[in-house]
Amino acid sequence: MLKYPLLFLLIAIIAGIFGFAGIVHAAAGIAKVLFVLFVILFIASFFFGRRSKSSGY
């Protein structure tokens, strides 16, 4: 699930090594947004994905 934020983070690091500042900022921004989105989805699935004991599962 965190494959895409890590991919964009890796792109940002590689672009930073080679000195492409514009690509670094864009890829790092995308990685931050995707990471926050996945954390929010994880928390939501943790709370809403649980089943009650009385449901028979």
PDB file of N, CA and C in Angstrom:
ATOM      1  N   MET A   1       0.826  -1.193   0.000  1.00  0.00           N
ATOM      2  CA  MET A   1       0.000   0.000   0.000  1.00  0.00           C
ATOM      3  C   MET A   1       0.867   1.253   0.000  1.00  0.00           C
ATOM      4  N   LEU A   2       1.998   1.164   0.625  1.00  0.00           N
ATOM      5  CA  LEU A   2       2.884   2.321   0.669  1.00  0.00           C
ATOM      6  C   LEU A   2       3.930   2.274  -0.444  1.00  0.00           C
ATOM      7  N   LYS A   3       3.658   1.498  -1.458  1.00  0.00           N
ATOM      8  CA  LYS A   3       4.621   1.364  -2.551  1.00  0.00           C
ATOM      9  C   LYS A   3       4.772   2.674  -3.326  1.00  0.00           C
ATOM     10  N   TYR A   4       3.678   3.358  -3.618  1.00  0.00           N
ATOM     11  CA  TYR A   4       3.753   4.572  -4.417  1.00  0.00           C
ATOM     12  C   TYR A   4       4.410   5.738  -3.686  1.00  0.00           C
ATOM     13  N   PRO A   5       4.093   5.996  -2.406  1.00  0.00           N
ATOM     14  CA  PRO A   5       4.836   7.075  -1.728  1.00  0.00           C
ATOM     15  C   PRO A   5       6.330   6.785  -1.642  1.00  0.00           C
ATOM     16  N   LEU A   6       6.694   5.517  -1.416  1.00  0.00           N
ATOM     17  CA  LEU A   6       8.113   5.176  -1.368  1.00  0.00           C
ATOM     18  C   LEU A   6       8.762   5.326  -2.737  1.00  0.00           C
ATOM     19  N   LEU A   7       8.025   5.012  -3.804  1.00  0.00           N
ATOM     20  CA  LEU A   7       8.540   5.190  -5.155  1.00  0.00           C
ATOM     21  C   LEU A   7       8.805   6.664  -5.450  1.00  0.00           C
ATOM     22  N   PHE A   8       7.857   7.539  -5.111  1.00  0.00           N
ATOM     23  CA  PHE A   8       8.054   8.962  -5.356  1.00  0.00           C
ATOM     24  C   PHE A   8       9.152   9.538  -4.459  1.00  0.00           C
ATOM     25  N   LEU A   9       9.291   9.007  -3.243  1.00  0.00           N
ATOM     26  CA  LEU A   9      10.387   9.434  -2.379  1.00  0.00           C
ATOM     27  C   LEU A   9      11.725   9.042  -2.992  1.00  0.00           C
ATOM     28  N   LEU A  10      11.817   7.839  -3.532  1.00  0.00           N
ATOM     29  CA  LEU A  10      13.033   7.401  -4.193  1.00  0.00           C
ATOM     30  C   LEU A  10      13.346   8.266  -5.411  1.00  0.00           C
ATOM     31  N   ILE A  11      12.323   8.605  -6.183  1.00  0.00           N
ATOM     32  CA  ILE A  11      12.515   9.494  -7.336  1.00  0.00           C
ATOM     33  C   ILE A  11      13.027  10.851  -6.874  1.00  0.00           C
ATOM     34  N   ALA A  12      12.480  11.356  -5.781  1.00  0.00           N
ATOM     35  CA  ALA A  12      12.924  12.651  -5.262  1.00  0.00           C
ATOM     36  C   ALA A  12      14.375  12.595  -4.804  1.00  0.00           C
ATOM     37  N   ILE A  13      14.765  11.502  -4.164  1.00  0.00           N
ATOM     38  CA  ILE A  13      16.155  11.381  -3.703  1.00  0.00           C
ATOM     39  C   ILE A  13      17.112  11.295  -4.888  1.00  0.00           C
ATOM     40  N   ILE A  14      16.766  10.490  -5.869  1.00  0.00           N
ATOM     41  CA  ILE A  14      17.628  10.351  -7.045  1.00  0.00           C
ATOM     42  C   ILE A  14      17.716  11.668  -7.810  1.00  0.00           C
ATOM     43  N   ALA A  15      16.594  12.358  -7.965  1.00  0.00           N
ATOM     44  CA  ALA A  15      16.616  13.641  -8.655  1.00  0.00           C
ATOM     45  C   ALA A  15      17.411  14.678  -7.864  1.00  0.00           C
ATOM     46  N   GLY A  16      17.363  14.593  -6.534  1.00  0.00           N
ATOM     47  CA  GLY A  16      18.145  15.510  -5.707  1.00  0.00           C
ATOM     48  C   GLY A  16      19.635  15.282  -5.856  1.00  0.00           C
ATOM     49  N   ILE A  17      20.018  14.017  -5.992  1.00  0.00           N
ATOM     50  CA  ILE A  17      21.437  13.703  -6.191  1.00  0.00           C
ATOM     51  C   ILE A  17      21.944  14.301  -7.499  1.00  0.00           C
ATOM     52  N   PHE A  18      21.124  14.244  -8.537  1.00  0.00           N
ATOM     53  CA  PHE A  18      21.534  14.766  -9.832  1.00  0.00           C
ATOM     54  C   PHE A  18      21.252  16.256  -9.994  1.00  0.00           C
ATOM     55  N   GLY A  19      20.597  16.896  -9.032  1.00  0.00           N
ATOM     56  CA  GLY A  19      20.414  18.343  -9.041  1.00  0.00           C
ATOM     57  C   GLY A  19      19.190  18.867  -9.758  1.00  0.00           C
ATOM     58  N   PHE A  20      18.168  18.048  -9.926  1.00  0.00           N
ATOM     59  CA  PHE A  20      16.937  18.502 -10.569  1.00  0.00           C
ATOM     60  C   PHE A  20      15.967  18.981  -9.490  1.00  0.00           C
ATOM     61  N   ALA A  21      16.041  20.262  -9.149  1.00  0.00           N
ATOM     62  CA  ALA A  21      15.277  20.791  -8.019  1.00  0.00           C
ATOM     63  C   ALA A  21      13.763  20.748  -8.252  1.00  0.00           C
ATOM     64  N   GLY A  22      13.317  21.020  -9.454  1.00  0.00           N
ATOM     65  CA  GLY A  22      11.887  21.015  -9.740  1.00  0.00           C
ATOM     66  C   GLY A  22      11.266  19.642  -9.579  1.00  0.00           C
ATOM     67  N   ILE A  23      11.972  18.638 -10.059  1.00  0.00           N
ATOM     68  CA  ILE A  23      11.476  17.270  -9.944  1.00  0.00           C
ATOM     69  C   ILE A  23      11.485  16.828  -8.486  1.00  0.00           C
ATOM     70  N   VAL A  24      12.496  17.266  -7.737  1.00  0.00           N
ATOM     71  CA  VAL A  24      12.573  16.910  -6.319  1.00  0.00           C
ATOM     72  C   VAL A  24      11.357  17.414  -5.573  1.00  0.00           C
ATOM     73  N   HIS A  25      11.010  18.672  -5.788  1.00  0.00           N
ATOM     74  CA  HIS A  25       9.869  19.250  -5.068  1.00  0.00           C
ATOM     75  C   HIS A  25       8.555  18.596  -5.482  1.00  0.00           C
ATOM     76  N   ALA A  26       8.405  18.308  -6.754  1.00  0.00           N
ATOM     77  CA  ALA A  26       7.167  17.686  -7.223  1.00  0.00           C
ATOM     78  C   ALA A  26       7.031  16.261  -6.681  1.00  0.00           C
ATOM     79  N   ALA A  27       8.083  15.473  -6.793  1.00  0.00           N
ATOM     80  CA  ALA A  27       8.012  14.086  -6.335  1.00  0.00           C
ATOM     81  C   ALA A  27       7.868  14.002  -4.817  1.00  0.00           C
ATOM     82  N   ALA A  28       8.550  14.871  -4.090  1.00  0.00           N
ATOM     83  CA  ALA A  28       8.427  14.872  -2.634  1.00  0.00           C
ATOM     84  C   ALA A  28       7.016  15.293  -2.214  1.00  0.00           C
ATOM     85  N   GLY A  29       6.442  16.243  -2.901  1.00  0.00           N
ATOM     86  CA  GLY A  29       5.067  16.658  -2.599  1.00  0.00           C
ATOM     87  C   GLY A  29       4.064  15.554  -2.849  1.00  0.00           C
ATOM     88  N   ILE A  30       4.228  14.852  -3.964  1.00  0.00           N
ATOM     89  CA  ILE A  30       3.331  13.740  -4.265  1.00  0.00           C
ATOM     90  C   ILE A  30       3.489  12.636  -3.225  1.00  0.00           C
ATOM     91  N   ALA A  31       4.726  12.362  -2.825  1.00  0.00           N
ATOM     92  CA  ALA A  31       4.964  11.323  -1.823  1.00  0.00           C
ATOM     93  C   ALA A  31       4.312  11.690  -0.495  1.00  0.00           C
ATOM     94  N   LYS A  32       4.390  12.948  -0.102  1.00  0.00           N
ATOM     95  CA  LYS A  32       3.772  13.384   1.155  1.00  0.00           C
ATOM     96  C   LYS A  32       2.255  13.222   1.103  1.00  0.00           C
ATOM     97  N   VAL A  33       1.659  13.647  -0.002  1.00  0.00           N
ATOM     98  CA  VAL A  33       0.201  13.561  -0.140  1.00  0.00           C
ATOM     99  C   VAL A  33      -0.257  12.107  -0.117  1.00  0.00           C
ATOM    100  N   LEU A  34       0.428  11.245  -0.860  1.00  0.00           N
ATOM    101  CA  LEU A  34       0.044   9.836  -0.890  1.00  0.00           C
ATOM    102  C   LEU A  34       0.236   9.174   0.466  1.00  0.00           C
ATOM    103  N   PHE A  35       1.303   9.522   1.171  1.00  0.00           N
ATOM    104  CA  PHE A  35       1.538   8.941   2.487  1.00  0.00           C
ATOM    105  C   PHE A  35       0.431   9.326   3.456  1.00  0.00           C
ATOM    106  N   VAL A  36       0.051  10.591   3.477  1.00  0.00           N
ATOM    107  CA  VAL A  36      -1.027  11.042   4.368  1.00  0.00           C
ATOM    108  C   VAL A  36      -2.347  10.385   3.982  1.00  0.00           C
ATOM    109  N   LEU A  37      -2.606  10.260   2.696  1.00  0.00           N
ATOM    110  CA  LEU A  37      -3.833   9.616   2.239  1.00  0.00           C
ATOM    111  C   LEU A  37      -3.893   8.158   2.690  1.00  0.00           C
ATOM    112  N   PHE A  38      -2.783   7.435   2.554  1.00  0.00           N
ATOM    113  CA  PHE A  38      -2.769   6.037   2.956  1.00  0.00           C
ATOM    114  C   PHE A  38      -2.865   5.876   4.471  1.00  0.00           C
ATOM    115  N   VAL A  39      -2.304   6.804   5.222  1.00  0.00           N
ATOM    116  CA  VAL A  39      -2.430   6.739   6.681  1.00  0.00           C
ATOM    117  C   VAL A  39      -3.883   6.961   7.092  1.00  0.00           C
ATOM    118  N   ILE A  40      -4.553   7.911   6.464  1.00  0.00           N
ATOM    119  CA  ILE A  40      -5.965   8.172   6.758  1.00  0.00           C
ATOM    120  C   ILE A  40      -6.816   6.964   6.392  1.00  0.00           C
ATOM    121  N   LEU A  41      -6.547   6.347   5.242  1.00  0.00           N
ATOM    122  CA  LEU A  41      -7.296   5.157   4.849  1.00  0.00           C
ATOM    123  C   LEU A  41      -7.034   3.984   5.791  1.00  0.00           C
ATOM    124  N   PHE A  42      -5.803   3.853   6.273  1.00  0.00           N
ATOM    125  CA  PHE A  42      -5.489   2.788   7.232  1.00  0.00           C
ATOM    126  C   PHE A  42      -6.257   2.980   8.528  1.00  0.00           C
ATOM    127  N   ILE A  43      -6.284   4.196   9.035  1.00  0.00           N
ATOM    128  CA  ILE A  43      -6.999   4.467  10.285  1.00  0.00           C
ATOM    129  C   ILE A  43      -8.498   4.234  10.104  1.00  0.00           C
ATOM    130  N   ALA A  44      -9.042   4.671   8.971  1.00  0.00           N
ATOM    131  CA  ALA A  44     -10.470   4.463   8.716  1.00  0.00           C
ATOM    132  C   ALA A  44     -10.793   2.984   8.600  1.00  0.00           C
ATOM    133  N   SER A  45      -9.949   2.221   7.923  1.00  0.00           N
ATOM    134  CA  SER A  45     -10.227   0.792   7.795  1.00  0.00           C
ATOM    135  C   SER A  45     -10.034   0.068   9.120  1.00  0.00           C
ATOM    136  N   PHE A  46      -9.170   0.571   9.973  1.00  0.00           N
ATOM    137  CA  PHE A  46      -8.982  -0.035  11.286  1.00  0.00           C
ATOM    138  C   PHE A  46     -10.240   0.112  12.129  1.00  0.00           C
ATOM    139  N   PHE A  47     -10.857   1.300  12.100  1.00  0.00           N
ATOM    140  CA  PHE A  47     -12.041   1.522  12.929  1.00  0.00           C
ATOM    141  C   PHE A  47     -13.313   0.971  12.300  1.00  0.00           C
ATOM    142  N   PHE A  48     -13.488   1.121  11.005  1.00  0.00           N
ATOM    143  CA  PHE A  48     -14.729   0.704  10.370  1.00  0.00           C
ATOM    144  C   PHE A  48     -14.676  -0.717   9.832  1.00  0.00           C
ATOM    145  N   GLY A  49     -13.516  -1.338   9.790  1.00  0.00           N
ATOM    146  CA  GLY A  49     -13.392  -2.677   9.246  1.00  0.00           C
ATOM    147  C   GLY A  49     -13.608  -3.761  10.269  1.00  0.00           C
ATOM    148  N   ARG A  50     -13.685  -3.405  11.546  1.00  0.00           N
ATOM    149  CA  ARG A  50     -13.883  -4.413  12.583  1.00  0.00           C
ATOM    150  C   ARG A  50     -15.329  -4.879  12.602  1.00  0.00           C
ATOM    151  N   ARG A  51     -15.497  -6.131  12.962  1.00  0.00           N
ATOM    152  CA  ARG A  51     -16.849  -6.682  13.080  1.00  0.00           C
ATOM    153  C   ARG A  51     -17.160  -6.907  14.544  1.00  0.00           C
ATOM    154  N   SER A  52     -18.439  -6.796  14.888  1.00  0.00           N
ATOM    155  CA  SER A  52     -18.839  -7.021  16.259  1.00  0.00           C
ATOM    156  C   SER A  52     -18.887  -8.517  16.550  1.00  0.00           C
ATOM    157  N   LYS A  53     -18.798  -8.869  17.821  1.00  0.00           N
ATOM    158  CA  LYS A  53     -18.808 -10.280  18.214  1.00  0.00           C
ATOM    159  C   LYS A  53     -20.175 -10.913  17.998  1.00  0.00           C
ATOM    160  N   SER A  54     -21.230 -10.135  17.989  1.00  0.00           N
ATOM    161  CA  SER A  54     -22.574 -10.687  17.862  1.00  0.00           C
ATOM    162  C   SER A  54     -22.956 -10.969  16.408  1.00  0.00           C
ATOM    163  N   SER A  55     -22.098 -10.645  15.449  1.00  0.00           N
ATOM    164  CA  SER A  55     -22.472 -10.841  14.050  1.00  0.00           C
ATOM    165  C   SER A  55     -22.256 -12.287  13.587  1.00  0.00           C
ATOM    166  N   GLY A  56     -21.640 -13.127  14.412  1.00  0.00           N
ATOM    167  CA  GLY A  56     -21.482 -14.514  14.061  1.00  0.00           C
ATOM    168  C   GLY A  56     -20.182 -14.845  13.359  1.00  0.00           C
ATOM    169  N   TYR A  57     -19.267 -13.924  13.244  1.00  0.00           N
ATOM    170  CA  TYR A  57     -17.980 -14.188  12.571  1.00  0.00           C
ATOM    171  C   TYR A  57     -16.907 -14.452  13.574  1.00  0.00           C
TER     172      TYR A  57
END
